[in-house]
Amino acid sequence: MRITVNEIMTENAAFVTADASFKEIAETLVARGVSAVPVVDDGNRVIGVVSEADLIPKEEFKEQYTREGYQPPMRARLRWHLSPGGGRAMEKMYARTAAELMTTPAITVRPQLAVVNAMRLMDERGVTCLPAVDIQGRLVGIVGRRDLIKVFVRPDDDLLREIQNDLNHLAWVDTTMVRPTVKDGVITLSGRTRAHTDAALIAHSITRVNGVVDVRDELSWDEDDA
């Protein structure tokens, strides 16, 4: 069994519309205890995402120049525009609505996606959450980093049952003498296999189970075919 996004996502996800004000977005983030919110259109389709990082430039530049009405000199504005990401940061300094603040297009996932793939996508794209959408792009939930680590709090008994089931159905490998045990998500494989490569295959298979923290391979083998 591979855990999918729909098993861990928050279904009643916080969201805002494109015309939501800066203050409304901030209040939503604080009230819901989230780091980002999807922006949806009238059809509940995700069109972007606003994160805490999108709100920070406004306060950051206020602090730098102390007076809210201060307009930085042209030289400073040109420097921001020419620096990597500087132009966008400056735009967000003056943004008032979700449409002006949001990152678009949004990076989304389908609910049927395996959690491990969602983890990889989040890491590759450097985002803190992923809106889950249906085939029409409508918001059905959201998965954040906190949701992703839920797989690591699976009960040891639950992990052991899945591992034993996987071993019983592992094709082309005799696992009758393999004995798995679980402690705090760490799997210890003891016993014996016919060949060295069989032991390696079993250990590799176990590492793919969602919630496994580590695998200790203590298997012996009859034939060293590695």
C-alpha atoms as a PDB file:
ATOM      1  CA  MET A   1       0.000   0.000   0.000  1.00  0.00           C
ATOM      2  CA  ARG A   2       1.247   3.471  -0.875  1.00  0.00           C
ATOM      3  CA  ILE A   3      -0.238   6.394   1.036  1.00  0.00           C
ATOM      4  CA  THR A   4      -1.744   9.011  -1.267  1.00  0.00           C
ATOM      5  CA  VAL A   5      -2.322  12.736  -0.868  1.00  0.00           C
ATOM      6  CA  ASN A   6      -6.065  12.371  -0.251  1.00  0.00           C
ATOM      7  CA  GLU A   7      -5.338  10.283   2.875  1.00  0.00           C
ATOM      8  CA  ILE A   8      -3.380  13.035   4.622  1.00  0.00           C
ATOM      9  CA  MET A   9      -4.538  16.328   3.066  1.00  0.00           C
ATOM     10  CA  THR A  10      -6.692  18.923   4.817  1.00  0.00           C
ATOM     11  CA  GLU A  11     -10.029  18.835   3.001  1.00  0.00           C
ATOM     12  CA  ASN A  12     -11.551  21.972   4.497  1.00  0.00           C
ATOM     13  CA  ALA A  13      -8.722  24.088   3.138  1.00  0.00           C
ATOM     14  CA  ALA A  14      -8.451  27.818   3.755  1.00  0.00           C
ATOM     15  CA  PHE A  15      -8.528  29.865   0.557  1.00  0.00           C
ATOM     16  CA  VAL A  16      -9.017  33.405  -0.691  1.00  0.00           C
ATOM     17  CA  THR A  17     -10.351  34.958  -3.876  1.00  0.00           C
ATOM     18  CA  ALA A  18      -8.345  37.138  -6.234  1.00  0.00           C
ATOM     19  CA  ASP A  19      -9.859  40.348  -4.846  1.00  0.00           C
ATOM     20  CA  ALA A  20      -9.081  39.492  -1.201  1.00  0.00           C
ATOM     21  CA  SER A  21      -7.290  42.357   0.524  1.00  0.00           C
ATOM     22  CA  PHE A  22      -3.802  42.192   1.999  1.00  0.00           C
ATOM     23  CA  LYS A  23      -5.246  42.346   5.510  1.00  0.00           C
ATOM     24  CA  GLU A  24      -7.812  39.634   4.766  1.00  0.00           C
ATOM     25  CA  ILE A  25      -5.055  37.322   3.541  1.00  0.00           C
ATOM     26  CA  ALA A  26      -2.922  37.984   6.619  1.00  0.00           C
ATOM     27  CA  GLU A  27      -5.891  37.352   8.910  1.00  0.00           C
ATOM     28  CA  THR A  28      -6.638  34.065   7.128  1.00  0.00           C
ATOM     29  CA  LEU A  29      -3.050  32.852   7.474  1.00  0.00           C
ATOM     30  CA  VAL A  30      -2.980  33.694  11.177  1.00  0.00           C
ATOM     31  CA  ALA A  31      -6.472  32.409  12.008  1.00  0.00           C
ATOM     32  CA  ARG A  32      -5.983  29.084  10.205  1.00  0.00           C
ATOM     33  CA  GLY A  33      -2.381  28.614  11.312  1.00  0.00           C
ATOM     34  CA  VAL A  34      -1.115  28.022   7.781  1.00  0.00           C
ATOM     35  CA  SER A  35       1.849  29.369   5.832  1.00  0.00           C
ATOM     36  CA  ALA A  36       0.059  29.769   2.497  1.00  0.00           C
ATOM     37  CA  VAL A  37      -3.405  29.834   0.952  1.00  0.00           C
ATOM     38  CA  PRO A  38      -4.643  28.992  -2.549  1.00  0.00           C
ATOM     39  CA  VAL A  39      -6.313  31.726  -4.578  1.00  0.00           C
ATOM     40  CA  VAL A  40      -9.443  30.523  -6.398  1.00  0.00           C
ATOM     41  CA  ASP A  41     -11.703  31.945  -9.099  1.00  0.00           C
ATOM     42  CA  ASP A  42     -15.498  31.946  -9.182  1.00  0.00           C
ATOM     43  CA  GLY A  43     -15.506  28.277 -10.192  1.00  0.00           C
ATOM     44  CA  ASN A  44     -13.304  27.277  -7.218  1.00  0.00           C
ATOM     45  CA  ARG A  45     -10.407  26.625  -9.606  1.00  0.00           C
ATOM     46  CA  VAL A  46      -6.948  27.324  -8.199  1.00  0.00           C
ATOM     47  CA  ILE A  47      -5.291  30.224 -10.019  1.00  0.00           C
ATOM     48  CA  GLY A  48      -2.412  30.958  -7.648  1.00  0.00           C
ATOM     49  CA  VAL A  49      -1.009  30.742  -4.139  1.00  0.00           C
ATOM     50  CA  VAL A  50      -0.186  33.456  -1.607  1.00  0.00           C
ATOM     51  CA  SER A  51       2.344  32.602   1.104  1.00  0.00           C
ATOM     52  CA  GLU A  52       3.756  34.370   4.122  1.00  0.00           C
ATOM     53  CA  ALA A  53       6.827  35.163   2.030  1.00  0.00           C
ATOM     54  CA  ASP A  54       4.637  37.167  -0.358  1.00  0.00           C
ATOM     55  CA  LEU A  55       3.481  39.429   2.473  1.00  0.00           C
ATOM     56  CA  ILE A  56       6.865  40.075   4.038  1.00  0.00           C
ATOM     57  CA  PRO A  57       8.265  42.616   1.491  1.00  0.00           C
ATOM     58  CA  LYS A  58       5.703  45.228   2.503  1.00  0.00           C
ATOM     59  CA  GLU A  59       6.831  45.253   6.139  1.00  0.00           C
ATOM     60  CA  GLU A  60      10.460  44.641   5.202  1.00  0.00           C
ATOM     61  CA  PHE A  61      10.704  47.796   3.106  1.00  0.00           C
ATOM     62  CA  LYS A  62       8.681  49.795   5.629  1.00  0.00           C
ATOM     63  CA  GLU A  63      11.233  48.907   8.273  1.00  0.00           C
ATOM     64  CA  GLN A  64      14.079  49.817   5.961  1.00  0.00           C
ATOM     65  CA  TYR A  65      12.754  53.289   5.185  1.00  0.00           C
ATOM     66  CA  THR A  66      10.796  53.845   8.452  1.00  0.00           C
ATOM     67  CA  ARG A  67       8.075  56.005   6.945  1.00  0.00           C
ATOM     68  CA  GLU A  68       5.192  54.285   5.181  1.00  0.00           C
ATOM     69  CA  GLY A  69       4.820  57.029   2.588  1.00  0.00           C
ATOM     70  CA  TYR A  70       8.497  57.101   1.723  1.00  0.00           C
ATOM     71  CA  GLN A  71       9.351  56.563  -1.949  1.00  0.00           C
ATOM     72  CA  PRO A  72      12.854  55.137  -2.397  1.00  0.00           C
ATOM     73  CA  PRO A  73      15.104  57.017  -4.819  1.00  0.00           C
ATOM     74  CA  MET A  74      15.143  55.980  -8.460  1.00  0.00           C
ATOM     75  CA  ARG A  75      18.617  54.480  -8.092  1.00  0.00           C
ATOM     76  CA  ALA A  76      17.401  52.123  -5.348  1.00  0.00           C
ATOM     77  CA  ARG A  77      14.320  51.158  -7.333  1.00  0.00           C
ATOM     78  CA  LEU A  78      16.445  50.354 -10.396  1.00  0.00           C
ATOM     79  CA  ARG A  79      18.757  48.248  -8.239  1.00  0.00           C
ATOM     80  CA  TRP A  80      15.800  46.211  -6.950  1.00  0.00           C
ATOM     81  CA  HIS A  81      14.420  45.753 -10.449  1.00  0.00           C
ATOM     82  CA  LEU A  82      17.772  44.542 -11.789  1.00  0.00           C
ATOM     83  CA  SER A  83      18.544  42.208  -8.880  1.00  0.00           C
ATOM     84  CA  PRO A  84      17.311  38.572  -9.028  1.00  0.00           C
ATOM     85  CA  GLY A  85      13.708  38.618  -7.838  1.00  0.00           C
ATOM     86  CA  GLY A  86      14.063  42.247  -6.872  1.00  0.00           C
ATOM     87  CA  GLY A  87      11.481  43.575  -9.313  1.00  0.00           C
ATOM     88  CA  ARG A  88       8.880  41.102  -8.110  1.00  0.00           C
ATOM     89  CA  ALA A  89       9.665  41.882  -4.467  1.00  0.00           C
ATOM     90  CA  MET A  90       9.198  45.571  -5.150  1.00  0.00           C
ATOM     91  CA  GLU A  91       5.859  44.893  -6.852  1.00  0.00           C
ATOM     92  CA  LYS A  92       4.708  43.018  -3.767  1.00  0.00           C
ATOM     93  CA  MET A  93       5.718  45.932  -1.597  1.00  0.00           C
ATOM     94  CA  TYR A  94       2.874  47.918  -3.145  1.00  0.00           C
ATOM     95  CA  ALA A  95       0.456  44.986  -3.659  1.00  0.00           C
ATOM     96  CA  ARG A  96      -2.976  45.244  -2.056  1.00  0.00           C
ATOM     97  CA  THR A  97      -4.854  42.170  -3.286  1.00  0.00           C
ATOM     98  CA  ALA A  98      -4.321  38.444  -3.698  1.00  0.00           C
ATOM     99  CA  ALA A  99      -4.220  38.887  -7.478  1.00  0.00           C
ATOM    100  CA  GLU A 100      -1.207  41.192  -7.097  1.00  0.00           C
ATOM    101  CA  LEU A 101       0.506  39.076  -4.441  1.00  0.00           C
ATOM    102  CA  MET A 102      -0.021  35.524  -5.647  1.00  0.00           C
ATOM    103  CA  THR A 103       2.477  33.244  -7.311  1.00  0.00           C
ATOM    104  CA  THR A 104       1.018  31.885 -10.509  1.00  0.00           C
ATOM    105  CA  PRO A 105       0.572  29.373 -12.005  1.00  0.00           C
ATOM    106  CA  ALA A 106       0.058  27.444  -8.807  1.00  0.00           C
ATOM    107  CA  ILE A 107       1.940  24.190  -8.265  1.00  0.00           C
ATOM    108  CA  THR A 108      -0.826  21.680  -7.570  1.00  0.00           C
ATOM    109  CA  VAL A 109      -1.245  17.935  -7.104  1.00  0.00           C
ATOM    110  CA  ARG A 110      -3.980  15.415  -7.717  1.00  0.00           C
ATOM    111  CA  PRO A 111      -5.401  13.641  -4.636  1.00  0.00           C
ATOM    112  CA  GLN A 112      -4.388  10.253  -6.066  1.00  0.00           C
ATOM    113  CA  LEU A 113      -0.672  11.171  -6.140  1.00  0.00           C
ATOM    114  CA  ALA A 114       1.583   9.131  -3.855  1.00  0.00           C
ATOM    115  CA  VAL A 115       2.776  11.080  -0.813  1.00  0.00           C
ATOM    116  CA  VAL A 116       6.412  10.357  -1.655  1.00  0.00           C
ATOM    117  CA  ASN A 117       5.937  12.100  -5.007  1.00  0.00           C
ATOM    118  CA  ALA A 118       4.290  15.072  -3.309  1.00  0.00           C
ATOM    119  CA  MET A 119       7.281  15.295  -0.949  1.00  0.00           C
ATOM    120  CA  ARG A 120       9.660  15.294  -3.900  1.00  0.00           C
ATOM    121  CA  LEU A 121       7.674  17.955  -5.752  1.00  0.00           C
ATOM    122  CA  MET A 122       7.524  20.203  -2.692  1.00  0.00           C
ATOM    123  CA  ASP A 123      11.267  19.913  -2.218  1.00  0.00           C
ATOM    124  CA  GLU A 124      12.103  20.470  -5.883  1.00  0.00           C
ATOM    125  CA  ARG A 125       9.906  23.546  -6.211  1.00  0.00           C
ATOM    126  CA  GLY A 126      10.743  25.020  -2.809  1.00  0.00           C
ATOM    127  CA  VAL A 127       7.125  25.427  -1.672  1.00  0.00           C
ATOM    128  CA  THR A 128       5.550  24.861   1.731  1.00  0.00           C
ATOM    129  CA  CYS A 129       2.171  23.557   0.571  1.00  0.00           C
ATOM    130  CA  LEU A 130       0.471  22.027  -2.443  1.00  0.00           C
ATOM    131  CA  PRO A 131      -3.196  22.623  -3.281  1.00  0.00           C
ATOM    132  CA  ALA A 132      -4.910  19.383  -4.283  1.00  0.00           C
ATOM    133  CA  VAL A 133      -7.226  19.759  -7.265  1.00  0.00           C
ATOM    134  CA  ASP A 134      -9.619  17.582  -9.211  1.00  0.00           C
ATOM    135  CA  ILE A 135      -9.448  17.001 -12.954  1.00  0.00           C
ATOM    136  CA  GLN A 136     -11.110  20.389 -13.585  1.00  0.00           C
ATOM    137  CA  GLY A 137      -8.542  22.168 -11.421  1.00  0.00           C
ATOM    138  CA  ARG A 138     -11.011  22.813  -8.589  1.00  0.00           C
ATOM    139  CA  LEU A 139      -9.710  22.946  -5.033  1.00  0.00           C
ATOM    140  CA  VAL A 140     -10.452  19.798  -3.017  1.00  0.00           C
ATOM    141  CA  GLY A 141      -7.847  20.101  -0.286  1.00  0.00           C
ATOM    142  CA  ILE A 142      -4.336  21.164   0.593  1.00  0.00           C
ATOM    143  CA  VAL A 143      -1.271  19.312   1.786  1.00  0.00           C
ATOM    144  CA  GLY A 144       1.509  21.010   3.738  1.00  0.00           C
ATOM    145  CA  ARG A 145       4.773  19.923   5.245  1.00  0.00           C
ATOM    146  CA  ARG A 146       3.059  19.074   8.523  1.00  0.00           C
ATOM    147  CA  ASP A 147       0.663  16.781   6.661  1.00  0.00           C
ATOM    148  CA  LEU A 148       3.529  15.040   4.868  1.00  0.00           C
ATOM    149  CA  ILE A 149       5.244  14.013   8.087  1.00  0.00           C
ATOM    150  CA  LYS A 150       2.065  12.264   9.241  1.00  0.00           C
ATOM    151  CA  VAL A 151       3.315   9.172   7.425  1.00  0.00           C
ATOM    152  CA  PHE A 152       6.136   8.914   9.960  1.00  0.00           C
ATOM    153  CA  VAL A 153       3.799   8.601  12.936  1.00  0.00           C
ATOM    154  CA  ARG A 154       2.174   5.387  11.723  1.00  0.00           C
ATOM    155  CA  PRO A 155       1.931   2.807  14.536  1.00  0.00           C
ATOM    156  CA  ASP A 156       4.650   0.143  14.472  1.00  0.00           C
ATOM    157  CA  ASP A 157       1.994  -2.596  14.326  1.00  0.00           C
ATOM    158  CA  ASP A 158       0.508  -0.989  11.216  1.00  0.00           C
ATOM    159  CA  LEU A 159       3.923  -0.851   9.553  1.00  0.00           C
ATOM    160  CA  LEU A 160       4.673  -4.459  10.484  1.00  0.00           C
ATOM    161  CA  ARG A 161       1.407  -5.706   8.980  1.00  0.00           C
ATOM    162  CA  GLU A 162       2.101  -3.932   5.698  1.00  0.00           C
ATOM    163  CA  ILE A 163       5.689  -5.154   5.554  1.00  0.00           C
ATOM    164  CA  GLN A 164       4.695  -8.759   6.232  1.00  0.00           C
ATOM    165  CA  ASN A 165       2.028  -8.512   3.550  1.00  0.00           C
ATOM    166  CA  ASP A 166       4.560  -7.111   1.077  1.00  0.00           C
ATOM    167  CA  LEU A 167       7.021  -9.885   1.884  1.00  0.00           C
ATOM    168  CA  ASN A 168       4.344 -12.519   1.312  1.00  0.00           C
ATOM    169  CA  HIS A 169       3.664 -11.102  -2.129  1.00  0.00           C
ATOM    170  CA  LEU A 170       7.229 -10.342  -3.211  1.00  0.00           C
ATOM    171  CA  ALA A 171       7.613 -12.162  -6.525  1.00  0.00           C
ATOM    172  CA  TRP A 172      10.610 -14.371  -7.401  1.00  0.00           C
ATOM    173  CA  VAL A 173      12.083 -14.164  -3.891  1.00  0.00           C
ATOM    174  CA  ASP A 174      11.689 -16.729  -1.102  1.00  0.00           C
ATOM    175  CA  THR A 175      10.940 -14.730   2.061  1.00  0.00           C
ATOM    176  CA  THR A 176       9.773 -17.602   4.268  1.00  0.00           C
ATOM    177  CA  MET A 177      12.858 -17.311   6.503  1.00  0.00           C
ATOM    178  CA  VAL A 178      12.841 -13.498   6.729  1.00  0.00           C
ATOM    179  CA  ARG A 179      11.733 -12.045  10.070  1.00  0.00           C
ATOM    180  CA  PRO A 180      10.951  -8.309  10.218  1.00  0.00           C
ATOM    181  CA  THR A 181      10.590  -6.396  13.481  1.00  0.00           C
ATOM    182  CA  VAL A 182       9.684  -2.734  13.994  1.00  0.00           C
ATOM    183  CA  LYS A 183      10.704  -0.255  16.691  1.00  0.00           C
ATOM    184  CA  ASP A 184       9.882   3.464  16.360  1.00  0.00           C
ATOM    185  CA  GLY A 185       9.571   3.136  12.593  1.00  0.00           C
ATOM    186  CA  VAL A 186      12.973   1.445  12.202  1.00  0.00           C
ATOM    187  CA  ILE A 187      12.744  -1.961  10.514  1.00  0.00           C
ATOM    188  CA  THR A 188      15.162  -4.748  11.406  1.00  0.00           C
ATOM    189  CA  LEU A 189      15.342  -7.630   8.942  1.00  0.00           C
ATOM    190  CA  SER A 190      16.779 -10.849  10.332  1.00  0.00           C
ATOM    191  CA  GLY A 191      16.827 -14.411   9.049  1.00  0.00           C
ATOM    192  CA  ARG A 192      18.180 -15.873   5.856  1.00  0.00           C
ATOM    193  CA  THR A 193      17.690 -15.758   2.085  1.00  0.00           C
ATOM    194  CA  ARG A 194      18.926 -17.935  -0.736  1.00  0.00           C
ATOM    195  CA  ALA A 195      21.120 -15.286  -2.339  1.00  0.00           C
ATOM    196  CA  HIS A 196      22.799 -11.999  -1.447  1.00  0.00           C
ATOM    197  CA  THR A 197      20.856 -10.180  -4.171  1.00  0.00           C
ATOM    198  CA  ASP A 198      17.597 -11.509  -2.698  1.00  0.00           C
ATOM    199  CA  ALA A 199      18.455  -9.898   0.649  1.00  0.00           C
ATOM    200  CA  ALA A 200      19.283  -6.596  -1.057  1.00  0.00           C
ATOM    201  CA  LEU A 201      16.007  -6.681  -2.998  1.00  0.00           C
ATOM    202  CA  ILE A 202      13.983  -7.292   0.162  1.00  0.00           C
ATOM    203  CA  ALA A 203      15.666  -4.451   2.052  1.00  0.00           C
ATOM    204  CA  HIS A 204      15.160  -2.075  -0.874  1.00  0.00           C
ATOM    205  CA  SER A 205      11.494  -3.035  -1.112  1.00  0.00           C
ATOM    206  CA  ILE A 206      10.926  -2.314   2.580  1.00  0.00           C
ATOM    207  CA  THR A 207      12.471   1.169   2.375  1.00  0.00           C
ATOM    208  CA  ARG A 208       9.678   2.170  -0.036  1.00  0.00           C
ATOM    209  CA  VAL A 209       6.930   1.615   2.546  1.00  0.00           C
ATOM    210  CA  ASN A 210       5.497   4.946   3.684  1.00  0.00           C
ATOM    211  CA  GLY A 211       6.445   5.664   7.279  1.00  0.00           C
ATOM    212  CA  VAL A 212       9.625   3.599   7.392  1.00  0.00           C
ATOM    213  CA  VAL A 213      12.347   5.669   9.055  1.00  0.00           C
ATOM    214  CA  ASP A 214      15.230   3.283   8.372  1.00  0.00           C
ATOM    215  CA  VAL A 215      15.979  -0.355   7.529  1.00  0.00           C
ATOM    216  CA  ARG A 216      18.607  -2.406   9.346  1.00  0.00           C
ATOM    217  CA  ASP A 217      19.579  -5.275   7.087  1.00  0.00           C
ATOM    218  CA  GLU A 218      20.839  -8.149   9.260  1.00  0.00           C
ATOM    219  CA  LEU A 219      19.970 -10.864   6.750  1.00  0.00           C
ATOM    220  CA  SER A 220      22.323 -13.759   6.000  1.00  0.00           C
ATOM    221  CA  TRP A 221      22.393 -15.593   2.682  1.00  0.00           C
ATOM    222  CA  ASP A 222      23.528 -18.933   1.257  1.00  0.00           C
ATOM    223  CA  GLU A 223      24.974 -17.721  -2.038  1.00  0.00           C
ATOM    224  CA  ASP A 224      27.008 -14.538  -2.503  1.00  0.00           C
ATOM    225  CA  ASP A 225      25.934 -13.669  -6.045  1.00  0.00           C
ATOM    226  CA  ALA A 226      26.424  -9.913  -5.631  1.00  0.00           C
END
